[in-house]
Amino acid sequence: MSPLKGRVTLATVAGSAGVSVATVSKVLNGRSDVSPSTRARVQDVLEKHGYVGRRPEPVQHETVELFYQGVLNSYSVEVIQGVLDAGAAAGVEVVLSSRPPHPSRHSAGRAAPWVRDLIASGRRAAVGITSELSDADLAALSRARLPLVIIDPADVPQPDITSVGSTNFAGGMSATQHLLDLGHRRIGYIGGPPTSACNQARMSGFRSAMDAVGAEVPKDYIWLSNFLYDDGLAGGSMMLDLPDRPTAIFAGCDEIAVGVMEAARARGLRIPDDLSVVGFDDTQVARHASPQLTTVKQPLREIGAVAVRTALQLAAGEPVASHHVELATTLIVRGSAAPHGLSSVAAS
C-alpha cells in the first residue's frame, strides 16, 4: 500500500483500509467492537500517516494496562497484587495481559501489534513487569504520550524510561555478608539472565562482599539462567557435584533457592548443616520452604503500588520525585543458613 498524498481524512483512511468511516472512528476511539484483523489493518494505514500518535478521548472508567513478559511466578504474583491494590485505592481499573517478548530491543521496524492496540485502547497508563520493549515500541508510546513505568527492567534502565525496583546491589551484599559472617568462604551464586539489570546488581553485590574479604569466586561457582525453580535445581546440581563444592549458595530469587535445596536433598545433604542457602524476594515460597528460607526481602507489593501511583502521576502531568525509584531491601534471617562447619561439629 503506497502512502497517500495530500490531506488525509477518515474517508481516505477508510478507503485505503477497505472499511467504513465508522470503523476507522471506532479504532481511533478505542472501541472494542472491531475485529483484531480489521483493527490492525486500519492501524497500519493510520500509522503510515502519523495517526499512531493520536490518543482517543478518555474512556468512562480510567484503566491502567499491566503487562508481563515471561512465566508468572511467586515474585510476579506479589507485584501484581500490589498493582491491583493501588489501582483499587486510586479508583482505576487494571487490565492484566501477557505479552510476547520483543526479539531484539534495537531491531528495526514498526511497533509490535500489541503496542499499537494498547495505544488505541484508551488506557490511562501502562505498567510492565520485568519487560523489554523495542525502540520502535518505546517511540510509539512516546508519540502517543502514553505514560509507561517498568518494574525491574529486563535490561539496564534507560534514562528516559521510568522504572521502579529495589536496592538489588545492597541486597546482594547483605545476603553474601551474612554467609561470610557465618564463616563461609566457598560461596556460589545462582541467578537469573546475564542481561537482567536486577541480576547484574545482585551479582555485583555478591562479588563486592567476596572481594572485600579476599574470598575467591571460581568460575564454576557462578550459574546464570532464569529466575525459576528448575534453574536452581540445575545450577545447584552442577555446583554440588563439584569436587570442591561450595558450603553456601546465594540464590538470586526464592524459587531458585528452593531448587538448590532440592538438589542438596537429592544428594543426601542437609540444609543448613551441610549447605547454607540464602534467597532473594521473601515470597510465600520462602516461608513455606523446609527449613524456612533466609532471604533478602523486597517490598514487592509496595513496588507494584509505587509503579501505579507513578504512572498515574505522569498521566496527570504531575512531576515525579524520581524517574528511577529503588525501595530498600532487608535481610530476613530464618533457618536455611548456619555457621560453617556445623555438620562436623554435630557429628563429633
C-alpha atoms as a PDB file:
ATOM      1  CA  MET A   1       0.000   0.000   0.000  1.00  0.00           C
ATOM      2  CA  SER A   2       1.630   3.216  -1.097  1.00  0.00           C
ATOM      3  CA  PRO A   3       1.477   6.321   1.175  1.00  0.00           C
ATOM      4  CA  LEU A   4      -1.391   8.656   0.378  1.00  0.00           C
ATOM      5  CA  LYS A   5      -0.637  12.238  -0.643  1.00  0.00           C
ATOM      6  CA  GLY A   6      -2.297  15.434   0.454  1.00  0.00           C
ATOM      7  CA  ARG A   7      -4.639  15.928   3.356  1.00  0.00           C
ATOM      8  CA  VAL A   8      -5.617  12.630   4.951  1.00  0.00           C
ATOM      9  CA  THR A   9      -9.253  12.314   6.022  1.00  0.00           C
ATOM     10  CA  LEU A  10     -11.104   9.499   7.733  1.00  0.00           C
ATOM     11  CA  ALA A  11     -12.732   8.736   4.391  1.00  0.00           C
ATOM     12  CA  THR A  12      -9.304   8.433   2.776  1.00  0.00           C
ATOM     13  CA  VAL A  13      -8.092   6.061   5.508  1.00  0.00           C
ATOM     14  CA  ALA A  14     -11.309   4.050   5.269  1.00  0.00           C
ATOM     15  CA  GLY A  15     -10.931   3.673   1.519  1.00  0.00           C
ATOM     16  CA  SER A  16      -7.311   2.534   1.804  1.00  0.00           C
ATOM     17  CA  ALA A  17      -8.136   0.045   4.535  1.00  0.00           C
ATOM     18  CA  GLY A  18     -11.280  -1.198   2.817  1.00  0.00           C
ATOM     19  CA  VAL A  19     -13.558  -0.387   5.750  1.00  0.00           C
ATOM     20  CA  SER A  20     -16.222   2.171   6.609  1.00  0.00           C
ATOM     21  CA  VAL A  21     -15.572   5.602   8.096  1.00  0.00           C
ATOM     22  CA  ALA A  22     -17.435   4.429  11.196  1.00  0.00           C
ATOM     23  CA  THR A  23     -14.964   1.571  11.632  1.00  0.00           C
ATOM     24  CA  VAL A  24     -11.995   3.946  11.413  1.00  0.00           C
ATOM     25  CA  SER A  25     -13.648   6.128  14.040  1.00  0.00           C
ATOM     26  CA  LYS A  26     -14.135   3.115  16.310  1.00  0.00           C
ATOM     27  CA  VAL A  27     -10.446   2.221  16.045  1.00  0.00           C
ATOM     28  CA  LEU A  28      -9.387   5.791  16.824  1.00  0.00           C
ATOM     29  CA  ASN A  29     -11.634   5.864  19.870  1.00  0.00           C
ATOM     30  CA  GLY A  30     -10.555   2.512  21.244  1.00  0.00           C
ATOM     31  CA  ARG A  31     -13.897   0.775  20.755  1.00  0.00           C
ATOM     32  CA  SER A  32     -13.809  -2.966  21.376  1.00  0.00           C
ATOM     33  CA  ASP A  33     -16.340  -3.953  18.685  1.00  0.00           C
ATOM     34  CA  VAL A  34     -13.739  -4.202  15.915  1.00  0.00           C
ATOM     35  CA  SER A  35     -12.094  -7.491  14.969  1.00  0.00           C
ATOM     36  CA  PRO A  36      -8.327  -7.758  15.618  1.00  0.00           C
ATOM     37  CA  SER A  37      -7.507  -8.191  11.924  1.00  0.00           C
ATOM     38  CA  THR A  38      -9.586  -5.167  10.888  1.00  0.00           C
ATOM     39  CA  ARG A  39      -8.141  -3.079  13.722  1.00  0.00           C
ATOM     40  CA  ALA A  40      -4.604  -3.982  12.668  1.00  0.00           C
ATOM     41  CA  ARG A  41      -5.341  -3.099   9.032  1.00  0.00           C
ATOM     42  CA  VAL A  42      -6.744   0.313   9.973  1.00  0.00           C
ATOM     43  CA  GLN A  43      -3.871   0.992  12.363  1.00  0.00           C
ATOM     44  CA  ASP A  44      -1.393   0.181   9.594  1.00  0.00           C
ATOM     45  CA  VAL A  45      -2.903   2.936   7.448  1.00  0.00           C
ATOM     46  CA  LEU A  46      -3.164   5.370  10.375  1.00  0.00           C
ATOM     47  CA  GLU A  47       0.441   4.805  11.374  1.00  0.00           C
ATOM     48  CA  LYS A  48       1.704   5.462   7.852  1.00  0.00           C
ATOM     49  CA  HIS A  49       0.169   8.914   8.113  1.00  0.00           C
ATOM     50  CA  GLY A  50       1.213   9.744  11.647  1.00  0.00           C
ATOM     51  CA  TYR A  51      -2.049   8.913  13.372  1.00  0.00           C
ATOM     52  CA  VAL A  52      -0.297   6.477  15.765  1.00  0.00           C
ATOM     53  CA  GLY A  53       0.393   9.464  17.975  1.00  0.00           C
ATOM     54  CA  ARG A  54      -3.240  10.313  18.491  1.00  0.00           C
ATOM     55  CA  ARG A  55      -4.836   9.326  21.772  1.00  0.00           C
ATOM     56  CA  PRO A  56      -8.561   8.641  21.959  1.00  0.00           C
ATOM     57  CA  GLU A  57     -10.689  10.571  24.391  1.00  0.00           C
ATOM     58  CA  PRO A  58     -10.530   9.145  27.933  1.00  0.00           C
ATOM     59  CA  VAL A  59     -12.855   6.219  28.465  1.00  0.00           C
ATOM     60  CA  GLN A  60     -15.543   6.367  31.111  1.00  0.00           C
ATOM     61  CA  HIS A  61     -13.541   4.239  33.552  1.00  0.00           C
ATOM     62  CA  GLU A  62      -9.860   5.060  33.698  1.00  0.00           C
ATOM     63  CA  THR A  63      -7.831   1.942  33.057  1.00  0.00           C
ATOM     64  CA  VAL A  64      -4.179   1.048  33.541  1.00  0.00           C
ATOM     65  CA  GLU A  65      -2.666  -1.756  31.463  1.00  0.00           C
ATOM     66  CA  LEU A  66      -0.393  -4.118  33.403  1.00  0.00           C
ATOM     67  CA  PHE A  67       1.624  -6.309  31.061  1.00  0.00           C
ATOM     68  CA  TYR A  68       4.054  -9.092  31.808  1.00  0.00           C
ATOM     69  CA  GLN A  69       6.563 -10.931  29.641  1.00  0.00           C
ATOM     70  CA  GLY A  70       7.576 -14.432  30.642  1.00  0.00           C
ATOM     71  CA  VAL A  71       6.259 -17.034  33.082  1.00  0.00           C
ATOM     72  CA  LEU A  72       4.273 -15.972  36.125  1.00  0.00           C
ATOM     73  CA  ASN A  73       5.986 -16.921  39.385  1.00  0.00           C
ATOM     74  CA  SER A  74       5.780 -16.137  43.099  1.00  0.00           C
ATOM     75  CA  TYR A  75       7.625 -12.838  42.583  1.00  0.00           C
ATOM     76  CA  SER A  76       5.270 -11.542  39.898  1.00  0.00           C
ATOM     77  CA  VAL A  77       2.154 -12.598  41.829  1.00  0.00           C
ATOM     78  CA  GLU A  78       3.211 -10.396  44.758  1.00  0.00           C
ATOM     79  CA  VAL A  79       3.922  -7.440  42.472  1.00  0.00           C
ATOM     80  CA  ILE A  80       0.601  -7.873  40.652  1.00  0.00           C
ATOM     81  CA  GLN A  81      -1.259  -7.865  43.968  1.00  0.00           C
ATOM     82  CA  GLY A  82       0.391  -4.554  44.840  1.00  0.00           C
ATOM     83  CA  VAL A  83      -0.639  -3.094  41.481  1.00  0.00           C
ATOM     84  CA  LEU A  84      -4.241  -4.264  41.922  1.00  0.00           C
ATOM     85  CA  ASP A  85      -4.450  -2.869  45.463  1.00  0.00           C
ATOM     86  CA  ALA A  86      -3.068   0.509  44.401  1.00  0.00           C
ATOM     87  CA  GLY A  87      -5.356   0.636  41.380  1.00  0.00           C
ATOM     88  CA  ALA A  88      -8.401  -0.033  43.539  1.00  0.00           C
ATOM     89  CA  ALA A  89      -7.325   2.650  46.012  1.00  0.00           C
ATOM     90  CA  ALA A  90      -6.952   5.155  43.154  1.00  0.00           C
ATOM     91  CA  GLY A  91     -10.299   4.240  41.629  1.00  0.00           C
ATOM     92  CA  VAL A  92      -8.850   2.920  38.370  1.00  0.00           C
ATOM     93  CA  GLU A  93      -9.288  -0.446  36.723  1.00  0.00           C
ATOM     94  CA  VAL A  94      -6.283  -2.658  35.998  1.00  0.00           C
ATOM     95  CA  VAL A  95      -6.186  -4.884  32.917  1.00  0.00           C
ATOM     96  CA  LEU A  96      -3.604  -7.674  33.116  1.00  0.00           C
ATOM     97  CA  SER A  97      -2.120  -9.034  29.903  1.00  0.00           C
ATOM     98  CA  SER A  98       0.690 -11.356  28.922  1.00  0.00           C
ATOM     99  CA  ARG A  99       2.812 -10.065  26.078  1.00  0.00           C
ATOM    100  CA  PRO A 100       5.431 -11.830  23.948  1.00  0.00           C
ATOM    101  CA  PRO A 101       8.983 -10.517  24.404  1.00  0.00           C
ATOM    102  CA  HIS A 102      10.403  -8.499  21.528  1.00  0.00           C
ATOM    103  CA  PRO A 103      13.134 -10.428  19.666  1.00  0.00           C
ATOM    104  CA  SER A 104      15.544  -7.508  19.979  1.00  0.00           C
ATOM    105  CA  ARG A 105      15.306  -4.114  21.603  1.00  0.00           C
ATOM    106  CA  HIS A 106      17.215  -2.476  18.762  1.00  0.00           C
ATOM    107  CA  SER A 107      15.545  -4.395  15.961  1.00  0.00           C
ATOM    108  CA  ALA A 108      14.359  -2.263  13.086  1.00  0.00           C
ATOM    109  CA  GLY A 109      10.751  -1.981  12.082  1.00  0.00           C
ATOM    110  CA  ARG A 110       7.493  -0.755  13.499  1.00  0.00           C
ATOM    111  CA  ALA A 111       5.932  -1.080  16.920  1.00  0.00           C
ATOM    112  CA  ALA A 112       4.617  -4.512  17.856  1.00  0.00           C
ATOM    113  CA  PRO A 113       0.899  -5.032  17.098  1.00  0.00           C
ATOM    114  CA  TRP A 114       0.036  -5.254  20.803  1.00  0.00           C
ATOM    115  CA  VAL A 115       1.663  -1.848  21.392  1.00  0.00           C
ATOM    116  CA  ARG A 116      -0.494  -0.333  18.655  1.00  0.00           C
ATOM    117  CA  ASP A 117      -3.554  -1.984  20.231  1.00  0.00           C
ATOM    118  CA  LEU A 118      -2.558  -0.565  23.602  1.00  0.00           C
ATOM    119  CA  ILE A 119      -2.364   2.949  22.181  1.00  0.00           C
ATOM    120  CA  ALA A 120      -5.759   2.580  20.515  1.00  0.00           C
ATOM    121  CA  SER A 121      -7.395   1.191  23.653  1.00  0.00           C
ATOM    122  CA  GLY A 122      -7.557   4.489  25.531  1.00  0.00           C
ATOM    123  CA  ARG A 123      -5.578   3.269  28.557  1.00  0.00           C
ATOM    124  CA  ARG A 124      -4.629   5.948  31.076  1.00  0.00           C
ATOM    125  CA  ALA A 125      -1.122   4.483  31.532  1.00  0.00           C
ATOM    126  CA  ALA A 126       0.871   1.262  31.182  1.00  0.00           C
ATOM    127  CA  VAL A 127       2.954  -0.664  33.712  1.00  0.00           C
ATOM    128  CA  GLY A 128       5.262  -3.513  32.663  1.00  0.00           C
ATOM    129  CA  ILE A 129       6.856  -6.187  34.884  1.00  0.00           C
ATOM    130  CA  THR A 130      10.410  -7.301  34.014  1.00  0.00           C
ATOM    131  CA  SER A 131       9.682  -6.297  30.433  1.00  0.00           C
ATOM    132  CA  GLU A 132      11.845  -5.285  27.499  1.00  0.00           C
ATOM    133  CA  LEU A 133      10.420  -3.152  24.705  1.00  0.00           C
ATOM    134  CA  SER A 134      11.934  -2.399  21.326  1.00  0.00           C
ATOM    135  CA  ASP A 135      12.978   1.102  20.318  1.00  0.00           C
ATOM    136  CA  ALA A 136      10.011   1.186  17.927  1.00  0.00           C
ATOM    137  CA  ASP A 137       7.639   0.235  20.762  1.00  0.00           C
ATOM    138  CA  LEU A 138       9.015   2.972  23.009  1.00  0.00           C
ATOM    139  CA  ALA A 139       8.865   5.557  20.226  1.00  0.00           C
ATOM    140  CA  ALA A 140       5.216   4.726  19.510  1.00  0.00           C
ATOM    141  CA  LEU A 141       4.274   5.000  23.187  1.00  0.00           C
ATOM    142  CA  SER A 142       6.131   8.293  23.454  1.00  0.00           C
ATOM    143  CA  ARG A 143       4.376   9.760  20.409  1.00  0.00           C
ATOM    144  CA  ALA A 144       1.064   8.701  21.915  1.00  0.00           C
ATOM    145  CA  ARG A 145       2.042  10.354  25.200  1.00  0.00           C
ATOM    146  CA  LEU A 146       1.047   7.154  26.989  1.00  0.00           C
ATOM    147  CA  PRO A 147       2.894   7.066  30.358  1.00  0.00           C
ATOM    148  CA  LEU A 148       4.981   3.928  30.850  1.00  0.00           C
ATOM    149  CA  VAL A 149       6.550   2.584  34.058  1.00  0.00           C
ATOM    150  CA  ILE A 150       8.671  -0.580  34.084  1.00  0.00           C
ATOM    151  CA  ILE A 151       9.099  -2.710  37.219  1.00  0.00           C
ATOM    152  CA  ASP A 152      12.522  -4.403  37.374  1.00  0.00           C
ATOM    153  CA  PRO A 153      13.508  -3.724  33.740  1.00  0.00           C
ATOM    154  CA  ALA A 154      14.753  -6.758  31.838  1.00  0.00           C
ATOM    155  CA  ASP A 155      17.757  -4.732  30.690  1.00  0.00           C
ATOM    156  CA  VAL A 156      19.737  -1.811  32.110  1.00  0.00           C
ATOM    157  CA  PRO A 157      17.293   1.052  32.852  1.00  0.00           C
ATOM    158  CA  GLN A 158      17.210   3.753  30.180  1.00  0.00           C
ATOM    159  CA  PRO A 159      17.463   7.409  31.300  1.00  0.00           C
ATOM    160  CA  ASP A 160      14.149   8.309  29.655  1.00  0.00           C
ATOM    161  CA  ILE A 161      12.183   5.280  30.909  1.00  0.00           C
ATOM    162  CA  THR A 162      10.614   5.480  34.360  1.00  0.00           C
ATOM    163  CA  SER A 163      11.338   2.386  36.446  1.00  0.00           C
ATOM    164  CA  VAL A 164      10.703   1.018  39.932  1.00  0.00           C
ATOM    165  CA  GLY A 165      12.735  -1.658  41.684  1.00  0.00           C
ATOM    166  CA  SER A 166      14.707  -2.308  44.850  1.00  0.00           C
ATOM    167  CA  THR A 167      18.246  -1.868  46.152  1.00  0.00           C
ATOM    168  CA  ASN A 168      19.475  -5.038  44.478  1.00  0.00           C
ATOM    169  CA  PHE A 169      23.183  -4.316  44.907  1.00  0.00           C
ATOM    170  CA  ALA A 170      22.812  -3.680  48.645  1.00  0.00           C
ATOM    171  CA  GLY A 171      20.605  -6.766  48.952  1.00  0.00           C
ATOM    172  CA  GLY A 172      23.215  -8.916  47.232  1.00  0.00           C
ATOM    173  CA  MET A 173      25.880  -7.590  49.571  1.00  0.00           C
ATOM    174  CA  SER A 174      23.820  -8.204  52.710  1.00  0.00           C
ATOM    175  CA  ALA A 175      22.982 -11.793  51.689  1.00  0.00           C
ATOM    176  CA  THR A 176      26.616 -12.592  50.992  1.00  0.00           C
ATOM    177  CA  GLN A 177      27.865 -10.774  54.095  1.00  0.00           C
ATOM    178  CA  HIS A 178      25.513 -12.869  56.220  1.00  0.00           C
ATOM    179  CA  LEU A 179      27.088 -16.047  54.859  1.00  0.00           C
ATOM    180  CA  LEU A 180      30.591 -14.613  55.336  1.00  0.00           C
ATOM    181  CA  ASP A 181      29.745 -13.717  58.930  1.00  0.00           C
ATOM    182  CA  LEU A 182      28.755 -17.363  59.446  1.00  0.00           C
ATOM    183  CA  GLY A 183      32.293 -18.350  58.427  1.00  0.00           C
ATOM    184  CA  HIS A 184      31.628 -19.451  54.844  1.00  0.00           C
ATOM    185  CA  ARG A 185      34.199 -18.636  52.162  1.00  0.00           C
ATOM    186  CA  ARG A 186      33.268 -21.124  49.427  1.00  0.00           C
ATOM    187  CA  ILE A 187      30.039 -19.400  48.331  1.00  0.00           C
ATOM    188  CA  GLY A 188      28.317 -19.843  44.964  1.00  0.00           C
ATOM    189  CA  TYR A 189      25.849 -17.585  43.190  1.00  0.00           C
ATOM    190  CA  ILE A 190      22.935 -18.887  41.096  1.00  0.00           C
ATOM    191  CA  GLY A 191      20.987 -16.100  39.392  1.00  0.00           C
ATOM    192  CA  GLY A 192      18.814 -15.004  36.516  1.00  0.00           C
ATOM    193  CA  PRO A 193      19.574 -13.936  32.937  1.00  0.00           C
ATOM    194  CA  PRO A 194      23.005 -12.316  32.444  1.00  0.00           C
ATOM    195  CA  THR A 195      21.384  -9.256  30.806  1.00  0.00           C
ATOM    196  CA  SER A 196      18.858  -8.719  33.609  1.00  0.00           C
ATOM    197  CA  ALA A 197      19.586  -5.440  35.424  1.00  0.00           C
ATOM    198  CA  CYS A 198      18.458  -6.737  38.817  1.00  0.00           C
ATOM    199  CA  ASN A 199      20.517  -9.907  38.383  1.00  0.00           C
ATOM    200  CA  GLN A 200      23.607  -7.892  37.466  1.00  0.00           C
ATOM    201  CA  ALA A 201      23.168  -5.731  40.568  1.00  0.00           C
ATOM    202  CA  ARG A 202      22.680  -8.702  42.922  1.00  0.00           C
ATOM    203  CA  MET A 203      25.694 -10.499  41.484  1.00  0.00           C
ATOM    204  CA  SER A 204      27.784  -7.320  41.745  1.00  0.00           C
ATOM    205  CA  GLY A 205      26.804  -7.041  45.404  1.00  0.00           C
ATOM    206  CA  PHE A 206      27.816 -10.695  45.874  1.00  0.00           C
ATOM    207  CA  ARG A 207      31.202 -10.150  44.238  1.00  0.00           C
ATOM    208  CA  SER A 208      31.802  -6.930  46.148  1.00  0.00           C
ATOM    209  CA  ALA A 209      31.269  -8.651  49.501  1.00  0.00           C
ATOM    210  CA  MET A 210      33.504 -11.568  48.476  1.00  0.00           C
ATOM    211  CA  ASP A 211      36.256  -9.231  47.235  1.00  0.00           C
ATOM    212  CA  ALA A 212      36.164  -7.278  50.488  1.00  0.00           C
ATOM    213  CA  VAL A 213      37.357 -10.339  52.443  1.00  0.00           C
ATOM    214  CA  GLY A 214      39.579 -11.723  49.692  1.00  0.00           C
ATOM    215  CA  ALA A 215      37.354 -14.748  49.069  1.00  0.00           C
ATOM    216  CA  GLU A 216      37.874 -16.356  45.668  1.00  0.00           C
ATOM    217  CA  VAL A 217      34.927 -16.976  43.349  1.00  0.00           C
ATOM    218  CA  PRO A 218      35.805 -19.805  40.920  1.00  0.00           C
ATOM    219  CA  LYS A 219      34.068 -19.657  37.553  1.00  0.00           C
ATOM    220  CA  ASP A 220      32.107 -22.819  38.408  1.00  0.00           C
ATOM    221  CA  TYR A 221      30.643 -21.004  41.411  1.00  0.00           C
ATOM    222  CA  ILE A 222      28.561 -18.784  39.120  1.00  0.00           C
ATOM    223  CA  TRP A 223      25.463 -20.077  37.299  1.00  0.00           C
ATOM    224  CA  LEU A 224      23.168 -17.747  35.367  1.00  0.00           C
ATOM    225  CA  SER A 225      19.959 -18.823  33.643  1.00  0.00           C
ATOM    226  CA  ASN A 226      16.424 -17.771  34.654  1.00  0.00           C
ATOM    227  CA  PHE A 227      14.629 -16.927  37.888  1.00  0.00           C
ATOM    228  CA  LEU A 228      12.920 -20.324  38.099  1.00  0.00           C
ATOM    229  CA  TYR A 229      12.919 -23.407  40.336  1.00  0.00           C
ATOM    230  CA  ASP A 230      14.304 -25.641  37.580  1.00  0.00           C
ATOM    231  CA  ASP A 231      17.297 -23.317  37.173  1.00  0.00           C
ATOM    232  CA  GLY A 232      18.056 -23.588  40.875  1.00  0.00           C
ATOM    233  CA  LEU A 233      17.798 -27.357  40.623  1.00  0.00           C
ATOM    234  CA  ALA A 234      20.136 -27.464  37.609  1.00  0.00           C
ATOM    235  CA  GLY A 235      22.633 -24.924  38.934  1.00  0.00           C
ATOM    236  CA  GLY A 236      22.612 -26.446  42.397  1.00  0.00           C
ATOM    237  CA  SER A 237      23.182 -29.928  40.971  1.00  0.00           C
ATOM    238  CA  MET A 238      26.172 -28.701  38.980  1.00  0.00           C
ATOM    239  CA  MET A 239      27.804 -26.922  41.931  1.00  0.00           C
ATOM    240  CA  LEU A 240      27.121 -29.670  44.462  1.00  0.00           C
ATOM    241  CA  ASP A 241      28.712 -32.260  42.173  1.00  0.00           C
ATOM    242  CA  LEU A 242      31.985 -30.309  42.076  1.00  0.00           C
ATOM    243  CA  PRO A 243      34.958 -31.987  43.813  1.00  0.00           C
ATOM    244  CA  ASP A 244      35.350 -28.857  45.946  1.00  0.00           C
ATOM    245  CA  ARG A 245      31.690 -27.890  46.282  1.00  0.00           C
ATOM    246  CA  PRO A 246      30.544 -24.645  47.897  1.00  0.00           C
ATOM    247  CA  THR A 247      29.468 -24.724  51.532  1.00  0.00           C
ATOM    248  CA  ALA A 248      26.887 -21.998  50.869  1.00  0.00           C
ATOM    249  CA  ILE A 249      24.892 -20.701  47.908  1.00  0.00           C
ATOM    250  CA  PHE A 250      23.298 -17.298  47.433  1.00  0.00           C
ATOM    251  CA  ALA A 251      20.308 -17.639  45.096  1.00  0.00           C
ATOM    252  CA  GLY A 252      19.056 -14.707  43.019  1.00  0.00           C
ATOM    253  CA  CYS A 253      15.419 -15.434  43.975  1.00  0.00           C
ATOM    254  CA  ASP A 254      13.457 -17.647  46.345  1.00  0.00           C
ATOM    255  CA  GLU A 255      12.365 -20.090  43.637  1.00  0.00           C
ATOM    256  CA  ILE A 256      15.994 -20.671  42.642  1.00  0.00           C
ATOM    257  CA  ALA A 257      16.852 -21.179  46.318  1.00  0.00           C
ATOM    258  CA  VAL A 258      14.194 -23.882  46.757  1.00  0.00           C
ATOM    259  CA  GLY A 259      15.539 -25.622  43.649  1.00  0.00           C
ATOM    260  CA  VAL A 260      19.024 -25.581  45.211  1.00  0.00           C
ATOM    261  CA  MET A 261      17.626 -27.053  48.425  1.00  0.00           C
ATOM    262  CA  GLU A 262      16.060 -29.909  46.463  1.00  0.00           C
ATOM    263  CA  ALA A 263      19.359 -30.558  44.651  1.00  0.00           C
ATOM    264  CA  ALA A 264      21.036 -30.797  48.056  1.00  0.00           C
ATOM    265  CA  ARG A 265      18.440 -33.210  49.432  1.00  0.00           C
ATOM    266  CA  ALA A 266      18.796 -35.429  46.360  1.00  0.00           C
ATOM    267  CA  ARG A 267      22.496 -35.781  47.275  1.00  0.00           C
ATOM    268  CA  GLY A 268      21.891 -36.524  50.920  1.00  0.00           C
ATOM    269  CA  LEU A 269      22.978 -33.066  52.051  1.00  0.00           C
ATOM    270  CA  ARG A 270      21.135 -31.425  54.923  1.00  0.00           C
ATOM    271  CA  ILE A 271      20.019 -27.774  54.999  1.00  0.00           C
ATOM    272  CA  PRO A 272      21.617 -25.928  56.773  1.00  0.00           C
ATOM    273  CA  ASP A 273      24.008 -28.478  58.366  1.00  0.00           C
ATOM    274  CA  ASP A 274      25.797 -29.417  55.133  1.00  0.00           C
ATOM    275  CA  LEU A 275      24.796 -26.487  52.906  1.00  0.00           C
ATOM    276  CA  SER A 276      23.604 -22.978  53.731  1.00  0.00           C
ATOM    277  CA  VAL A 277      21.218 -21.275  51.299  1.00  0.00           C
ATOM    278  CA  VAL A 278      20.063 -17.644  51.124  1.00  0.00           C
ATOM    279  CA  GLY A 279      17.408 -16.439  48.692  1.00  0.00           C
ATOM    280  CA  PHE A 280      16.056 -13.124  47.436  1.00  0.00           C
ATOM    281  CA  ASP A 281      12.466 -11.693  47.349  1.00  0.00           C
ATOM    282  CA  ASP A 282      10.810 -13.083  50.527  1.00  0.00           C
ATOM    283  CA  THR A 283       7.782 -14.522  48.761  1.00  0.00           C
ATOM    284  CA  GLN A 284       5.468 -17.197  50.148  1.00  0.00           C
ATOM    285  CA  VAL A 285       7.918 -19.738  48.755  1.00  0.00           C
ATOM    286  CA  ALA A 286      10.465 -18.645  51.393  1.00  0.00           C
ATOM    287  CA  ARG A 287       8.005 -19.055  54.252  1.00  0.00           C
ATOM    288  CA  HIS A 288       6.725 -22.423  53.017  1.00  0.00           C
ATOM    289  CA  ALA A 289      10.176 -23.944  52.467  1.00  0.00           C
ATOM    290  CA  SER A 290      11.527 -26.506  54.937  1.00  0.00           C
ATOM    291  CA  PRO A 291      13.532 -25.231  56.688  1.00  0.00           C
ATOM    292  CA  GLN A 292      12.146 -21.742  56.174  1.00  0.00           C
ATOM    293  CA  LEU A 293      14.381 -19.737  53.877  1.00  0.00           C
ATOM    294  CA  THR A 294      16.720 -16.976  54.967  1.00  0.00           C
ATOM    295  CA  THR A 295      16.255 -14.382  52.252  1.00  0.00           C
ATOM    296  CA  VAL A 296      16.505 -10.747  51.216  1.00  0.00           C
ATOM    297  CA  LYS A 297      13.097  -9.123  51.402  1.00  0.00           C
ATOM    298  CA  GLN A 298      11.945  -6.932  48.538  1.00  0.00           C
ATOM    299  CA  PRO A 299       8.804  -4.899  49.300  1.00  0.00           C
ATOM    300  CA  LEU A 300       7.174  -6.405  46.221  1.00  0.00           C
ATOM    301  CA  ARG A 301       3.629  -5.196  46.809  1.00  0.00           C
ATOM    302  CA  GLU A 302       4.860  -1.693  47.561  1.00  0.00           C
ATOM    303  CA  ILE A 303       6.948  -1.777  44.368  1.00  0.00           C
ATOM    304  CA  GLY A 304       3.779  -2.540  42.402  1.00  0.00           C
ATOM    305  CA  ALA A 305       1.876   0.198  44.222  1.00  0.00           C
ATOM    306  CA  VAL A 306       4.589   2.800  43.624  1.00  0.00           C
ATOM    307  CA  ALA A 307       4.634   1.893  39.925  1.00  0.00           C
ATOM    308  CA  VAL A 308       0.887   2.527  39.586  1.00  0.00           C
ATOM    309  CA  ARG A 309       0.959   5.763  41.552  1.00  0.00           C
ATOM    310  CA  THR A 310       3.893   6.994  39.484  1.00  0.00           C
ATOM    311  CA  ALA A 311       2.170   6.084  36.206  1.00  0.00           C
ATOM    312  CA  LEU A 312      -0.961   7.968  37.251  1.00  0.00           C
ATOM    313  CA  GLN A 313       1.101  10.996  38.266  1.00  0.00           C
ATOM    314  CA  LEU A 314       2.725  11.037  34.831  1.00  0.00           C
ATOM    315  CA  ALA A 315      -0.679  10.651  33.165  1.00  0.00           C
ATOM    316  CA  ALA A 316      -1.958  13.670  35.094  1.00  0.00           C
ATOM    317  CA  GLY A 317       1.051  15.729  34.023  1.00  0.00           C
ATOM    318  CA  GLU A 318       2.356  15.916  37.575  1.00  0.00           C
ATOM    319  CA  PRO A 319       6.098  15.891  38.353  1.00  0.00           C
ATOM    320  CA  VAL A 320       7.565  12.770  39.962  1.00  0.00           C
ATOM    321  CA  ALA A 321      10.322  12.798  42.579  1.00  0.00           C
ATOM    322  CA  SER A 322      12.495  10.391  40.563  1.00  0.00           C
ATOM    323  CA  HIS A 323      12.272   8.502  37.287  1.00  0.00           C
ATOM    324  CA  HIS A 324      14.231   5.598  38.780  1.00  0.00           C
ATOM    325  CA  VAL A 325      12.920   4.526  42.193  1.00  0.00           C
ATOM    326  CA  GLU A 326      14.667   1.907  44.346  1.00  0.00           C
ATOM    327  CA  LEU A 327      12.969   0.700  47.531  1.00  0.00           C
ATOM    328  CA  ALA A 328      15.074  -0.649  50.382  1.00  0.00           C
ATOM    329  CA  THR A 329      15.757  -4.365  50.847  1.00  0.00           C
ATOM    330  CA  THR A 330      16.067  -6.139  54.217  1.00  0.00           C
ATOM    331  CA  LEU A 331      17.740  -9.408  55.210  1.00  0.00           C
ATOM    332  CA  ILE A 332      15.260 -11.821  56.833  1.00  0.00           C
ATOM    333  CA  VAL A 333      17.081 -14.479  58.866  1.00  0.00           C
ATOM    334  CA  ARG A 334      15.318 -17.827  59.176  1.00  0.00           C
ATOM    335  CA  GLY A 335      16.585 -21.398  59.231  1.00  0.00           C
ATOM    336  CA  SER A 336      18.356 -22.183  55.949  1.00  0.00           C
ATOM    337  CA  ALA A 337      21.816 -20.822  56.815  1.00  0.00           C
ATOM    338  CA  ALA A 338      24.112 -21.885  59.650  1.00  0.00           C
ATOM    339  CA  PRO A 339      27.750 -21.418  60.717  1.00  0.00           C
ATOM    340  CA  HIS A 340      30.313 -23.133  58.531  1.00  0.00           C
ATOM    341  CA  GLY A 341      31.420 -26.461  59.998  1.00  0.00           C
ATOM    342  CA  LEU A 342      28.138 -27.100  61.802  1.00  0.00           C
ATOM    343  CA  SER A 343      27.884 -30.582  60.296  1.00  0.00           C
ATOM    344  CA  SER A 344      31.309 -31.693  61.544  1.00  0.00           C
ATOM    345  CA  VAL A 345      30.663 -30.177  64.989  1.00  0.00           C
ATOM    346  CA  ALA A 346      27.331 -32.000  65.248  1.00  0.00           C
ATOM    347  CA  ALA A 347      28.949 -35.266  64.171  1.00  0.00           C
ATOM    348  CA  SER A 348      31.629 -35.007  66.851  1.00  0.00           C
END
